[in-house]
N, C-alpha and C. Protein backbone atom coordinates (compact mmCIF):
# COMPACT_ATOMS: atom_id res chain seq x y z
N MET A 1 -390.35 73.32 -83.29
CA MET A 1 -389.14 73.41 -82.50
C MET A 1 -389.51 73.60 -81.03
N ASN A 2 -388.73 72.99 -80.20
CA ASN A 2 -388.94 73.06 -78.76
C ASN A 2 -387.84 73.90 -78.12
N ARG A 3 -388.11 74.41 -76.94
CA ARG A 3 -387.09 75.14 -76.18
C ARG A 3 -386.49 74.19 -75.16
N TYR A 4 -385.15 74.18 -75.10
CA TYR A 4 -384.41 73.32 -74.18
C TYR A 4 -383.45 74.16 -73.35
N GLU A 5 -383.08 73.61 -72.21
CA GLU A 5 -382.09 74.22 -71.34
C GLU A 5 -381.09 73.14 -70.97
N THR A 6 -379.82 73.42 -71.19
CA THR A 6 -378.77 72.47 -70.88
C THR A 6 -377.79 73.11 -69.90
N VAL A 7 -377.45 72.37 -68.87
CA VAL A 7 -376.39 72.77 -67.95
C VAL A 7 -375.33 71.68 -68.04
N PHE A 8 -374.09 72.11 -68.24
CA PHE A 8 -373.01 71.13 -68.26
C PHE A 8 -371.85 71.63 -67.43
N ILE A 9 -371.08 70.67 -66.91
CA ILE A 9 -369.96 70.97 -66.02
C ILE A 9 -368.68 70.49 -66.69
N LEU A 10 -367.74 71.41 -66.84
CA LEU A 10 -366.44 71.09 -67.42
C LEU A 10 -365.42 70.84 -66.31
N THR A 11 -364.45 70.03 -66.60
CA THR A 11 -363.41 69.69 -65.63
C THR A 11 -362.64 70.95 -65.21
N PRO A 12 -362.24 71.05 -63.95
CA PRO A 12 -361.58 72.26 -63.46
C PRO A 12 -360.13 72.43 -63.89
N VAL A 13 -359.54 71.45 -64.52
CA VAL A 13 -358.12 71.54 -64.89
C VAL A 13 -357.90 72.31 -66.19
N LEU A 14 -358.98 72.79 -66.81
CA LEU A 14 -358.87 73.51 -68.07
C LEU A 14 -358.52 74.98 -67.83
N SER A 15 -357.84 75.57 -68.80
CA SER A 15 -357.58 77.01 -68.76
C SER A 15 -358.81 77.75 -69.26
N GLU A 16 -358.83 79.07 -69.08
CA GLU A 16 -359.97 79.87 -69.53
C GLU A 16 -360.18 79.71 -71.04
N GLN A 17 -359.09 79.68 -71.78
CA GLN A 17 -359.17 79.53 -73.24
C GLN A 17 -359.74 78.16 -73.61
N GLN A 18 -359.34 77.12 -72.92
CA GLN A 18 -359.85 75.78 -73.20
C GLN A 18 -361.33 75.66 -72.85
N VAL A 19 -361.75 76.32 -71.77
CA VAL A 19 -363.16 76.32 -71.39
C VAL A 19 -363.98 77.00 -72.47
N GLU A 20 -363.52 78.17 -72.93
CA GLU A 20 -364.23 78.91 -73.98
C GLU A 20 -364.30 78.09 -75.27
N GLU A 21 -363.22 77.41 -75.59
CA GLU A 21 -363.19 76.56 -76.79
C GLU A 21 -364.20 75.42 -76.68
N ALA A 22 -364.28 74.80 -75.52
CA ALA A 22 -365.22 73.70 -75.31
C ALA A 22 -366.66 74.18 -75.40
N VAL A 23 -366.96 75.33 -74.79
CA VAL A 23 -368.31 75.87 -74.83
C VAL A 23 -368.70 76.20 -76.27
N ASN A 24 -367.79 76.83 -77.00
CA ASN A 24 -368.06 77.17 -78.41
C ASN A 24 -368.30 75.93 -79.25
N LYS A 25 -367.60 74.84 -78.93
CA LYS A 25 -367.80 73.59 -79.67
C LYS A 25 -369.25 73.11 -79.51
N PHE A 26 -369.78 73.17 -78.30
CA PHE A 26 -371.14 72.69 -78.07
C PHE A 26 -372.19 73.66 -78.63
N LEU A 27 -371.90 74.94 -78.61
CA LEU A 27 -372.81 75.91 -79.22
C LEU A 27 -372.87 75.68 -80.74
N GLU A 28 -371.73 75.40 -81.35
CA GLU A 28 -371.70 75.12 -82.79
C GLU A 28 -372.42 73.81 -83.11
N GLU A 29 -372.34 72.84 -82.21
CA GLU A 29 -373.06 71.57 -82.39
C GLU A 29 -374.56 71.83 -82.45
N ILE A 30 -375.05 72.68 -81.58
CA ILE A 30 -376.49 73.02 -81.57
C ILE A 30 -376.87 73.72 -82.87
N LYS A 31 -376.05 74.69 -83.27
CA LYS A 31 -376.34 75.45 -84.49
C LYS A 31 -376.28 74.57 -85.73
N SER A 32 -375.34 73.63 -85.78
CA SER A 32 -375.20 72.77 -86.95
C SER A 32 -376.38 71.82 -87.11
N CYS A 33 -377.11 71.56 -86.03
CA CYS A 33 -378.27 70.68 -86.08
C CYS A 33 -379.57 71.46 -86.32
N GLY A 34 -379.46 72.75 -86.61
CA GLY A 34 -380.65 73.54 -86.89
C GLY A 34 -381.22 74.28 -85.70
N GLY A 35 -380.49 74.34 -84.61
CA GLY A 35 -380.96 75.03 -83.42
C GLY A 35 -380.51 76.48 -83.39
N THR A 36 -381.18 77.25 -82.56
CA THR A 36 -380.78 78.65 -82.35
C THR A 36 -380.58 78.87 -80.86
N ILE A 37 -379.49 79.52 -80.52
CA ILE A 37 -379.15 79.80 -79.12
C ILE A 37 -379.91 81.05 -78.69
N SER A 38 -380.65 80.96 -77.60
CA SER A 38 -381.38 82.13 -77.12
C SER A 38 -380.69 82.79 -75.92
N HIS A 39 -379.92 82.02 -75.14
CA HIS A 39 -379.28 82.59 -73.96
C HIS A 39 -378.18 81.65 -73.47
N THR A 40 -377.07 82.23 -73.03
CA THR A 40 -376.01 81.44 -72.41
C THR A 40 -375.56 82.16 -71.15
N GLU A 41 -375.13 81.38 -70.16
CA GLU A 41 -374.60 81.93 -68.92
C GLU A 41 -373.38 81.13 -68.52
N ASN A 42 -372.34 81.83 -68.14
CA ASN A 42 -371.15 81.20 -67.58
C ASN A 42 -371.23 81.38 -66.08
N TRP A 43 -371.44 80.31 -65.35
CA TRP A 43 -371.56 80.39 -63.90
C TRP A 43 -370.21 80.31 -63.21
N GLY A 44 -369.17 80.03 -63.95
CA GLY A 44 -367.83 80.02 -63.40
C GLY A 44 -367.48 78.73 -62.67
N LEU A 45 -366.38 78.79 -61.96
CA LEU A 45 -365.88 77.64 -61.20
C LEU A 45 -366.65 77.54 -59.89
N LYS A 46 -367.31 76.42 -59.69
CA LYS A 46 -368.10 76.20 -58.47
C LYS A 46 -367.74 74.85 -57.87
N LYS A 47 -367.99 74.75 -56.57
CA LYS A 47 -367.76 73.50 -55.87
C LYS A 47 -368.87 72.51 -56.21
N LEU A 48 -368.50 71.27 -56.45
CA LEU A 48 -369.47 70.21 -56.75
C LEU A 48 -370.10 69.70 -55.45
N ALA A 49 -371.29 69.18 -55.54
CA ALA A 49 -371.97 68.62 -54.37
C ALA A 49 -371.26 67.36 -53.89
N TYR A 50 -370.65 66.64 -54.82
CA TYR A 50 -369.89 65.44 -54.49
C TYR A 50 -368.77 65.29 -55.50
N SER A 51 -367.73 64.56 -55.17
CA SER A 51 -366.59 64.39 -56.06
C SER A 51 -366.97 63.59 -57.29
N ILE A 52 -366.47 64.05 -58.43
CA ILE A 52 -366.65 63.33 -59.69
C ILE A 52 -365.25 63.13 -60.26
N ASP A 53 -364.85 61.88 -60.45
CA ASP A 53 -363.51 61.56 -60.94
C ASP A 53 -362.43 62.25 -60.09
N LEU A 54 -362.61 62.25 -58.79
CA LEU A 54 -361.70 62.83 -57.81
C LEU A 54 -361.57 64.35 -57.95
N LYS A 55 -362.53 64.99 -58.59
CA LYS A 55 -362.53 66.45 -58.75
C LYS A 55 -363.63 67.02 -57.87
N LYS A 56 -363.32 68.12 -57.20
CA LYS A 56 -364.28 68.72 -56.28
C LYS A 56 -364.88 70.02 -56.81
N ASN A 57 -364.38 70.52 -57.95
CA ASN A 57 -364.86 71.75 -58.56
C ASN A 57 -365.13 71.52 -60.04
N GLY A 58 -365.85 72.45 -60.65
CA GLY A 58 -366.09 72.36 -62.09
C GLY A 58 -366.59 73.69 -62.63
N PHE A 59 -366.38 73.90 -63.93
CA PHE A 59 -366.88 75.10 -64.60
C PHE A 59 -368.30 74.82 -65.09
N TYR A 60 -369.26 75.57 -64.57
CA TYR A 60 -370.67 75.39 -64.92
C TYR A 60 -371.06 76.33 -66.05
N HIS A 61 -371.86 75.82 -67.00
CA HIS A 61 -372.39 76.63 -68.10
C HIS A 61 -373.84 76.26 -68.34
N LEU A 62 -374.66 77.28 -68.62
CA LEU A 62 -376.07 77.08 -68.94
C LEU A 62 -376.30 77.59 -70.36
N VAL A 63 -377.06 76.84 -71.15
CA VAL A 63 -377.40 77.23 -72.51
C VAL A 63 -378.88 76.99 -72.71
N GLU A 64 -379.60 78.02 -73.17
CA GLU A 64 -381.00 77.88 -73.58
C GLU A 64 -381.02 77.95 -75.10
N PHE A 65 -381.76 77.02 -75.71
CA PHE A 65 -381.80 77.00 -77.17
C PHE A 65 -383.12 76.43 -77.67
N ASP A 66 -383.47 76.81 -78.90
CA ASP A 66 -384.63 76.26 -79.61
C ASP A 66 -384.09 75.32 -80.67
N ALA A 67 -384.63 74.10 -80.72
CA ALA A 67 -384.11 73.13 -81.67
C ALA A 67 -385.10 71.99 -81.86
N PRO A 68 -384.97 71.25 -82.97
CA PRO A 68 -385.75 70.03 -83.14
C PRO A 68 -385.31 68.97 -82.13
N GLY A 69 -386.15 67.99 -81.88
CA GLY A 69 -385.89 66.98 -80.86
C GLY A 69 -384.62 66.17 -81.08
N GLU A 70 -384.27 65.86 -82.33
CA GLU A 70 -383.09 65.03 -82.58
C GLU A 70 -381.79 65.77 -82.24
N THR A 71 -381.84 67.08 -82.11
CA THR A 71 -380.66 67.85 -81.74
C THR A 71 -380.19 67.48 -80.34
N VAL A 72 -381.11 67.24 -79.43
CA VAL A 72 -380.75 66.91 -78.05
C VAL A 72 -379.95 65.61 -78.02
N HIS A 73 -380.38 64.62 -78.80
CA HIS A 73 -379.66 63.35 -78.84
C HIS A 73 -378.24 63.56 -79.35
N LYS A 74 -378.08 64.34 -80.41
CA LYS A 74 -376.74 64.58 -80.97
C LYS A 74 -375.87 65.37 -80.00
N LEU A 75 -376.47 66.34 -79.31
CA LEU A 75 -375.73 67.14 -78.34
C LEU A 75 -375.27 66.27 -77.17
N GLU A 76 -376.15 65.46 -76.64
CA GLU A 76 -375.78 64.61 -75.51
C GLU A 76 -374.75 63.55 -75.91
N LEU A 77 -374.79 63.09 -77.15
CA LEU A 77 -373.77 62.17 -77.64
C LEU A 77 -372.41 62.88 -77.67
N ALA A 78 -372.40 64.14 -78.09
CA ALA A 78 -371.16 64.93 -78.08
C ALA A 78 -370.65 65.12 -76.65
N PHE A 79 -371.56 65.34 -75.69
CA PHE A 79 -371.16 65.46 -74.29
C PHE A 79 -370.52 64.16 -73.80
N LYS A 80 -371.12 63.03 -74.15
CA LYS A 80 -370.59 61.73 -73.70
C LYS A 80 -369.20 61.46 -74.26
N ARG A 81 -368.95 61.91 -75.48
CA ARG A 81 -367.68 61.63 -76.14
C ARG A 81 -366.56 62.58 -75.72
N ASP A 82 -366.90 63.68 -75.10
CA ASP A 82 -365.89 64.68 -74.74
C ASP A 82 -365.41 64.43 -73.31
N GLU A 83 -364.13 64.22 -73.15
CA GLU A 83 -363.58 63.91 -71.82
C GLU A 83 -363.52 65.13 -70.91
N ARG A 84 -363.74 66.31 -71.44
CA ARG A 84 -363.73 67.53 -70.61
C ARG A 84 -365.04 67.71 -69.84
N ILE A 85 -366.08 66.99 -70.21
CA ILE A 85 -367.39 67.12 -69.57
C ILE A 85 -367.47 66.16 -68.38
N LEU A 86 -367.78 66.71 -67.20
CA LEU A 86 -367.97 65.87 -66.02
C LEU A 86 -369.42 65.39 -65.94
N ARG A 87 -370.37 66.31 -66.10
CA ARG A 87 -371.80 65.99 -66.06
C ARG A 87 -372.55 66.96 -66.97
N TYR A 88 -373.75 66.55 -67.37
CA TYR A 88 -374.63 67.41 -68.16
C TYR A 88 -376.07 67.03 -67.90
N MET A 89 -376.96 67.96 -68.16
CA MET A 89 -378.38 67.69 -68.03
C MET A 89 -379.12 68.60 -69.00
N THR A 90 -380.02 68.02 -69.78
CA THR A 90 -380.82 68.78 -70.73
C THR A 90 -382.29 68.59 -70.39
N LEU A 91 -383.02 69.70 -70.33
CA LEU A 91 -384.44 69.67 -70.01
C LEU A 91 -385.23 70.37 -71.10
N LYS A 92 -386.38 69.82 -71.42
CA LYS A 92 -387.31 70.50 -72.31
C LYS A 92 -388.11 71.46 -71.45
N MET A 93 -388.14 72.72 -71.84
CA MET A 93 -388.79 73.75 -71.02
C MET A 93 -390.25 73.89 -71.40
N ASP A 94 -391.14 73.80 -70.41
CA ASP A 94 -392.55 74.08 -70.66
C ASP A 94 -392.77 75.58 -70.50
N LYS A 95 -394.00 76.04 -70.64
CA LYS A 95 -394.26 77.48 -70.59
C LYS A 95 -393.93 78.09 -69.23
N HIS A 96 -394.11 77.34 -68.16
CA HIS A 96 -393.79 77.85 -66.82
C HIS A 96 -392.29 78.01 -66.64
N ALA A 97 -391.53 77.05 -67.14
CA ALA A 97 -390.07 77.13 -67.05
C ALA A 97 -389.55 78.29 -67.90
N GLN A 98 -390.15 78.52 -69.05
CA GLN A 98 -389.74 79.63 -69.89
C GLN A 98 -390.02 80.97 -69.22
N ASP A 99 -391.19 81.08 -68.55
CA ASP A 99 -391.52 82.30 -67.82
C ASP A 99 -390.53 82.53 -66.68
N TRP A 100 -390.20 81.47 -65.95
CA TRP A 100 -389.27 81.59 -64.84
C TRP A 100 -387.88 81.99 -65.35
N ALA A 101 -387.44 81.41 -66.46
CA ALA A 101 -386.14 81.74 -67.03
C ALA A 101 -386.09 83.21 -67.44
N GLN A 102 -387.18 83.70 -68.01
CA GLN A 102 -387.25 85.11 -68.40
C GLN A 102 -387.15 86.02 -67.18
N GLU A 103 -387.85 85.68 -66.11
CA GLU A 103 -387.78 86.46 -64.86
C GLU A 103 -386.36 86.45 -64.29
N ARG A 104 -385.70 85.31 -64.36
CA ARG A 104 -384.33 85.18 -63.85
C ARG A 104 -383.39 86.09 -64.64
N LYS A 105 -383.57 86.13 -65.97
CA LYS A 105 -382.73 86.99 -66.80
C LYS A 105 -382.93 88.46 -66.45
N VAL A 106 -384.16 88.85 -66.19
CA VAL A 106 -384.46 90.23 -65.82
C VAL A 106 -383.81 90.57 -64.48
N ARG A 107 -383.92 89.67 -63.52
CA ARG A 107 -383.29 89.89 -62.20
C ARG A 107 -381.79 90.03 -62.33
N ILE A 108 -381.17 89.18 -63.15
CA ILE A 108 -379.73 89.22 -63.32
C ILE A 108 -379.31 90.54 -63.98
N SER A 109 -380.07 90.98 -64.96
CA SER A 109 -379.71 92.23 -65.65
C SER A 109 -379.85 93.44 -64.72
N LYS A 110 -380.77 93.39 -63.76
CA LYS A 110 -380.92 94.50 -62.81
C LYS A 110 -379.76 94.55 -61.83
N VAL A 111 -379.21 93.39 -61.48
CA VAL A 111 -378.10 93.32 -60.53
C VAL A 111 -376.83 93.87 -61.16
N LYS A 112 -376.62 93.64 -62.44
CA LYS A 112 -375.38 94.09 -63.12
C LYS A 112 -375.35 95.54 -63.32
């Protein structure tokens, strides 16, 4: 199993409940394919670098998970089929990225 990190942007016209429902849908997709979620972050509503479908903001979410390789294909297919998703990006994390992610989590926990 490999460690992956996915960031996806949801359309800003959704309510908080709809955003939570969409995020849970993708977390369940990962779990149903044999993956395990190690960390999630809700970055909230942020301004986009450029307009996407005439929208200037979006709800950002980050998910770190361990899963077999075919899970990424199924997850990205689910992203493509869901009209609530503006953009997504999935990266396979090497050991340096995993170390950096761990340091980021520690920094965030100290701030809270």
